Every structure is written in C-alpha cells, then in structure tokens.
Amino acid sequence: MPSQIVAVGSKVGLHARPASLLVKAAAAAGLAVTIGRPGEKAVNAASLLSVLALGVKNGDSIEVVVADGDNADSVLATLVEIIATDHDE
C-alpha cells in the first residue's frame, strides 16, 4: 500500500474547504484511503466528519495511505497535492 507523510499547507489546517476537497478526491478514487497523524489511529479519508475530527492544523504532518490498486500511486499523488496546497489564499 503506497503511503506518504505530508505537511498541511492551508493556513488554518484541514477545515471545511480543504477537507471537502480531500474527501471528494478520496471518495472518487475507488480505493480505500486513510489519513492520520503518523503513529496514531488513521481515519477514513472519504468521511468529512472523520477528517474534521482530526483537528489538523497548518504544518501538521499527516500520513496518507492508499490501498493497493491500479491507480494507487496517482491517487496518492493527488491527495498529497491537495493536503500540501494552501487553499486559503
């Protein structure tokens, strides 16, 4: 399963707008995707409430894990880009 640790780029963390973008992309991926702080329990990235409940702030490190599949690497790259981008500009 491909995974990557990425720092959150949005100035106010994974609040409604960037979390919504992440959740939509994870749901559309067709593969199971989890996110969480490294070493802590991960949550379903396709669940807006679960993502918001993480309370992720700007600069926090998040581990993204994508289930194995045909397009797992491209799904991972897309999700990492969403998390690393500042959507508050």
N, C-alpha and C. Protein backbone atom coordinates (compact mmCIF):
# COMPACT_ATOMS: atom_id res chain seq x y z
N MET A 1 0.85 -1.18 0.00
CA MET A 1 0.00 0.00 0.00
C MET A 1 0.89 1.24 0.00
N PRO A 2 0.74 2.07 -1.01
CA PRO A 2 1.54 3.29 -1.04
C PRO A 2 1.11 4.26 0.06
N SER A 3 2.09 4.93 0.63
CA SER A 3 1.79 5.93 1.67
C SER A 3 2.83 7.04 1.60
N GLN A 4 2.46 8.17 2.17
CA GLN A 4 3.37 9.31 2.20
C GLN A 4 2.98 10.21 3.36
N ILE A 5 3.97 10.82 3.98
CA ILE A 5 3.73 11.82 5.02
C ILE A 5 3.88 13.19 4.39
N VAL A 6 2.91 14.05 4.65
CA VAL A 6 2.88 15.38 4.03
C VAL A 6 2.49 16.41 5.08
N ALA A 7 3.05 17.62 4.97
CA ALA A 7 2.69 18.72 5.86
C ALA A 7 1.48 19.45 5.30
N VAL A 8 0.56 19.83 6.17
CA VAL A 8 -0.66 20.53 5.76
C VAL A 8 -0.30 21.96 5.36
N GLY A 9 -0.71 22.35 4.15
CA GLY A 9 -0.35 23.66 3.62
C GLY A 9 -1.34 24.78 3.90
N SER A 10 -2.61 24.46 4.09
CA SER A 10 -3.61 25.51 4.32
C SER A 10 -3.34 26.22 5.64
N LYS A 11 -3.42 27.54 5.61
CA LYS A 11 -3.08 28.36 6.78
C LYS A 11 -3.88 28.01 8.03
N VAL A 12 -5.13 27.59 7.86
CA VAL A 12 -5.94 27.24 9.03
C VAL A 12 -6.18 25.73 9.12
N GLY A 13 -5.34 24.95 8.47
CA GLY A 13 -5.42 23.50 8.58
C GLY A 13 -6.48 22.88 7.69
N LEU A 14 -6.86 21.66 8.02
CA LEU A 14 -7.87 20.96 7.23
C LEU A 14 -9.26 21.31 7.75
N HIS A 15 -9.66 22.53 7.49
CA HIS A 15 -11.00 22.99 7.85
C HIS A 15 -11.94 22.65 6.70
N ALA A 16 -13.12 23.20 6.68
CA ALA A 16 -14.19 22.79 5.75
C ALA A 16 -13.77 22.73 4.28
N ARG A 17 -13.19 23.78 3.73
CA ARG A 17 -12.91 23.80 2.29
C ARG A 17 -11.84 22.78 1.89
N PRO A 18 -10.63 22.83 2.46
CA PRO A 18 -9.64 21.83 2.04
C PRO A 18 -10.03 20.41 2.43
N ALA A 19 -10.71 20.24 3.55
CA ALA A 19 -11.16 18.91 3.94
C ALA A 19 -12.18 18.38 2.94
N SER A 20 -13.05 19.25 2.47
CA SER A 20 -14.05 18.85 1.48
C SER A 20 -13.39 18.43 0.17
N LEU A 21 -12.38 19.15 -0.27
CA LEU A 21 -11.65 18.79 -1.48
C LEU A 21 -10.98 17.42 -1.33
N LEU A 22 -10.39 17.21 -0.16
CA LEU A 22 -9.72 15.94 0.13
C LEU A 22 -10.72 14.79 0.14
N VAL A 23 -11.83 14.98 0.83
CA VAL A 23 -12.85 13.93 0.96
C VAL A 23 -13.43 13.57 -0.41
N LYS A 24 -13.72 14.57 -1.23
CA LYS A 24 -14.26 14.30 -2.57
C LYS A 24 -13.27 13.51 -3.41
N ALA A 25 -12.00 13.87 -3.36
CA ALA A 25 -10.98 13.16 -4.13
C ALA A 25 -10.80 11.73 -3.61
N ALA A 26 -10.82 11.56 -2.30
CA ALA A 26 -10.68 10.22 -1.72
C ALA A 26 -11.86 9.33 -2.08
N ALA A 27 -13.06 9.90 -2.04
CA ALA A 27 -14.27 9.13 -2.37
C ALA A 27 -14.28 8.74 -3.85
N ALA A 28 -13.78 9.62 -4.69
CA ALA A 28 -13.78 9.36 -6.14
C ALA A 28 -12.67 8.39 -6.56
N ALA A 29 -11.73 8.13 -5.67
CA ALA A 29 -10.57 7.32 -6.01
C ALA A 29 -10.91 5.87 -6.33
N GLY A 30 -11.96 5.36 -5.72
CA GLY A 30 -12.31 3.97 -5.94
C GLY A 30 -11.45 3.00 -5.14
N LEU A 31 -10.60 3.53 -4.28
CA LEU A 31 -9.74 2.74 -3.41
C LEU A 31 -9.91 3.23 -1.97
N ALA A 32 -9.68 2.36 -1.01
CA ALA A 32 -9.74 2.78 0.39
C ALA A 32 -8.56 3.71 0.69
N VAL A 33 -8.86 4.83 1.33
CA VAL A 33 -7.83 5.82 1.67
C VAL A 33 -8.00 6.18 3.13
N THR A 34 -6.89 6.18 3.88
CA THR A 34 -6.93 6.63 5.27
C THR A 34 -5.90 7.74 5.46
N ILE A 35 -6.21 8.61 6.42
CA ILE A 35 -5.25 9.66 6.80
C ILE A 35 -5.21 9.75 8.32
N GLY A 36 -4.09 10.23 8.82
CA GLY A 36 -3.95 10.43 10.26
C GLY A 36 -2.56 10.90 10.58
N ARG A 37 -2.37 11.32 11.81
CA ARG A 37 -1.03 11.70 12.24
C ARG A 37 -0.19 10.44 12.33
N PRO A 38 1.08 10.52 11.92
CA PRO A 38 1.93 9.33 11.97
C PRO A 38 1.96 8.74 13.39
N GLY A 39 1.76 7.43 13.47
CA GLY A 39 1.79 6.76 14.76
C GLY A 39 0.46 6.75 15.51
N GLU A 40 -0.53 7.46 14.98
CA GLU A 40 -1.84 7.50 15.61
C GLU A 40 -2.85 6.76 14.73
N LYS A 41 -4.05 6.54 15.28
CA LYS A 41 -5.10 5.84 14.55
C LYS A 41 -5.52 6.68 13.34
N ALA A 42 -5.57 6.04 12.19
CA ALA A 42 -5.96 6.71 10.95
C ALA A 42 -7.48 6.64 10.79
N VAL A 43 -8.03 7.58 10.00
CA VAL A 43 -9.46 7.62 9.74
C VAL A 43 -9.71 7.51 8.24
N ASN A 44 -10.96 7.21 7.91
CA ASN A 44 -11.38 7.11 6.52
C ASN A 44 -11.33 8.51 5.88
N ALA A 45 -10.51 8.66 4.85
CA ALA A 45 -10.36 9.97 4.21
C ALA A 45 -11.58 10.38 3.40
N ALA A 46 -12.52 9.46 3.18
CA ALA A 46 -13.74 9.78 2.44
C ALA A 46 -14.86 10.24 3.36
N SER A 47 -14.57 10.39 4.66
CA SER A 47 -15.56 10.83 5.64
C SER A 47 -15.23 12.23 6.12
N LEU A 48 -16.05 13.22 5.74
CA LEU A 48 -15.78 14.60 6.12
C LEU A 48 -15.73 14.77 7.64
N LEU A 49 -16.66 14.16 8.35
CA LEU A 49 -16.66 14.29 9.81
C LEU A 49 -15.41 13.70 10.43
N SER A 50 -14.94 12.57 9.92
CA SER A 50 -13.73 11.96 10.45
C SER A 50 -12.51 12.83 10.20
N VAL A 51 -12.42 13.39 9.00
CA VAL A 51 -11.29 14.25 8.65
C VAL A 51 -11.29 15.51 9.53
N LEU A 52 -12.44 16.14 9.67
CA LEU A 52 -12.54 17.34 10.51
C LEU A 52 -12.22 17.04 11.97
N ALA A 53 -12.62 15.85 12.43
CA ALA A 53 -12.39 15.47 13.83
C ALA A 53 -10.91 15.31 14.16
N LEU A 54 -10.07 15.15 13.16
CA LEU A 54 -8.63 15.05 13.41
C LEU A 54 -8.07 16.35 13.97
N GLY A 55 -8.71 17.47 13.67
CA GLY A 55 -8.24 18.76 14.18
C GLY A 55 -6.86 19.14 13.66
N VAL A 56 -6.61 18.87 12.40
CA VAL A 56 -5.30 19.09 11.80
C VAL A 56 -5.08 20.58 11.54
N LYS A 57 -3.91 21.06 11.95
CA LYS A 57 -3.56 22.48 11.79
C LYS A 57 -2.48 22.64 10.72
N ASN A 58 -2.26 23.87 10.31
CA ASN A 58 -1.21 24.19 9.34
C ASN A 58 0.13 23.66 9.83
N GLY A 59 0.85 23.00 8.95
CA GLY A 59 2.17 22.48 9.28
C GLY A 59 2.18 21.11 9.93
N ASP A 60 1.02 20.62 10.38
CA ASP A 60 0.96 19.28 10.97
C ASP A 60 1.31 18.24 9.90
N SER A 61 1.95 17.19 10.32
CA SER A 61 2.26 16.09 9.41
C SER A 61 1.12 15.09 9.41
N ILE A 62 0.72 14.69 8.22
CA ILE A 62 -0.36 13.74 8.03
C ILE A 62 0.16 12.60 7.15
N GLU A 63 -0.15 11.37 7.54
CA GLU A 63 0.20 10.23 6.70
C GLU A 63 -1.01 9.81 5.89
N VAL A 64 -0.83 9.73 4.59
CA VAL A 64 -1.88 9.30 3.67
C VAL A 64 -1.53 7.89 3.22
N VAL A 65 -2.49 6.96 3.36
CA VAL A 65 -2.28 5.57 2.94
C VAL A 65 -3.39 5.20 1.96
N VAL A 66 -3.00 4.68 0.81
CA VAL A 66 -3.94 4.27 -0.23
C VAL A 66 -3.84 2.76 -0.41
N ALA A 67 -4.99 2.09 -0.45
CA ALA A 67 -5.00 0.64 -0.69
C ALA A 67 -4.40 0.33 -2.05
N ASP A 68 -3.82 -0.84 -2.16
CA ASP A 68 -3.24 -1.26 -3.44
C ASP A 68 -4.32 -1.31 -4.53
N GLY A 69 -3.93 -0.88 -5.70
CA GLY A 69 -4.84 -0.88 -6.85
C GLY A 69 -4.12 -0.34 -8.06
N ASP A 70 -4.80 -0.39 -9.19
CA ASP A 70 -4.19 0.02 -10.46
C ASP A 70 -3.69 1.45 -10.46
N ASN A 71 -4.43 2.35 -9.84
CA ASN A 71 -4.05 3.77 -9.87
C ASN A 71 -3.66 4.31 -8.50
N ALA A 72 -3.19 3.44 -7.61
CA ALA A 72 -2.89 3.84 -6.23
C ALA A 72 -1.86 4.97 -6.16
N ASP A 73 -0.82 4.89 -6.96
CA ASP A 73 0.22 5.92 -6.91
C ASP A 73 -0.29 7.28 -7.36
N SER A 74 -1.12 7.31 -8.39
CA SER A 74 -1.65 8.59 -8.86
C SER A 74 -2.68 9.14 -7.86
N VAL A 75 -3.45 8.27 -7.23
CA VAL A 75 -4.39 8.71 -6.18
C VAL A 75 -3.60 9.34 -5.03
N LEU A 76 -2.54 8.67 -4.61
CA LEU A 76 -1.71 9.20 -3.53
C LEU A 76 -1.14 10.56 -3.90
N ALA A 77 -0.62 10.71 -5.11
CA ALA A 77 -0.05 11.99 -5.54
C ALA A 77 -1.10 13.09 -5.53
N THR A 78 -2.31 12.80 -5.98
CA THR A 78 -3.39 13.79 -6.00
C THR A 78 -3.75 14.23 -4.58
N LEU A 79 -3.89 13.27 -3.68
CA LEU A 79 -4.27 13.60 -2.30
C LEU A 79 -3.17 14.38 -1.57
N VAL A 80 -1.93 14.00 -1.81
CA VAL A 80 -0.80 14.72 -1.20
C VAL A 80 -0.78 16.16 -1.68
N GLU A 81 -1.04 16.37 -2.97
CA GLU A 81 -1.07 17.74 -3.51
C GLU A 81 -2.19 18.57 -2.86
N ILE A 82 -3.35 17.97 -2.67
CA ILE A 82 -4.46 18.68 -2.04
C ILE A 82 -4.08 19.09 -0.62
N ILE A 83 -3.47 18.18 0.13
CA ILE A 83 -3.11 18.47 1.52
C ILE A 83 -2.01 19.52 1.60
N ALA A 84 -1.04 19.45 0.73
CA ALA A 84 0.10 20.37 0.78
C ALA A 84 -0.19 21.77 0.27
N THR A 85 -1.26 21.93 -0.50
CA THR A 85 -1.61 23.22 -1.10
C THR A 85 -2.32 24.12 -0.10
N ASP A 86 -2.02 25.42 -0.14
CA ASP A 86 -2.73 26.39 0.70
C ASP A 86 -4.00 26.80 -0.02
N HIS A 87 -5.12 26.29 0.43
CA HIS A 87 -6.43 26.60 -0.17
C HIS A 87 -7.05 27.87 0.44
N ASP A 88 -6.29 28.57 1.27
CA ASP A 88 -6.80 29.78 1.94
C ASP A 88 -6.29 31.06 1.31
N GLU A 89 -5.62 30.95 0.17
CA GLU A 89 -5.07 32.15 -0.48
C GLU A 89 -6.15 32.98 -1.10
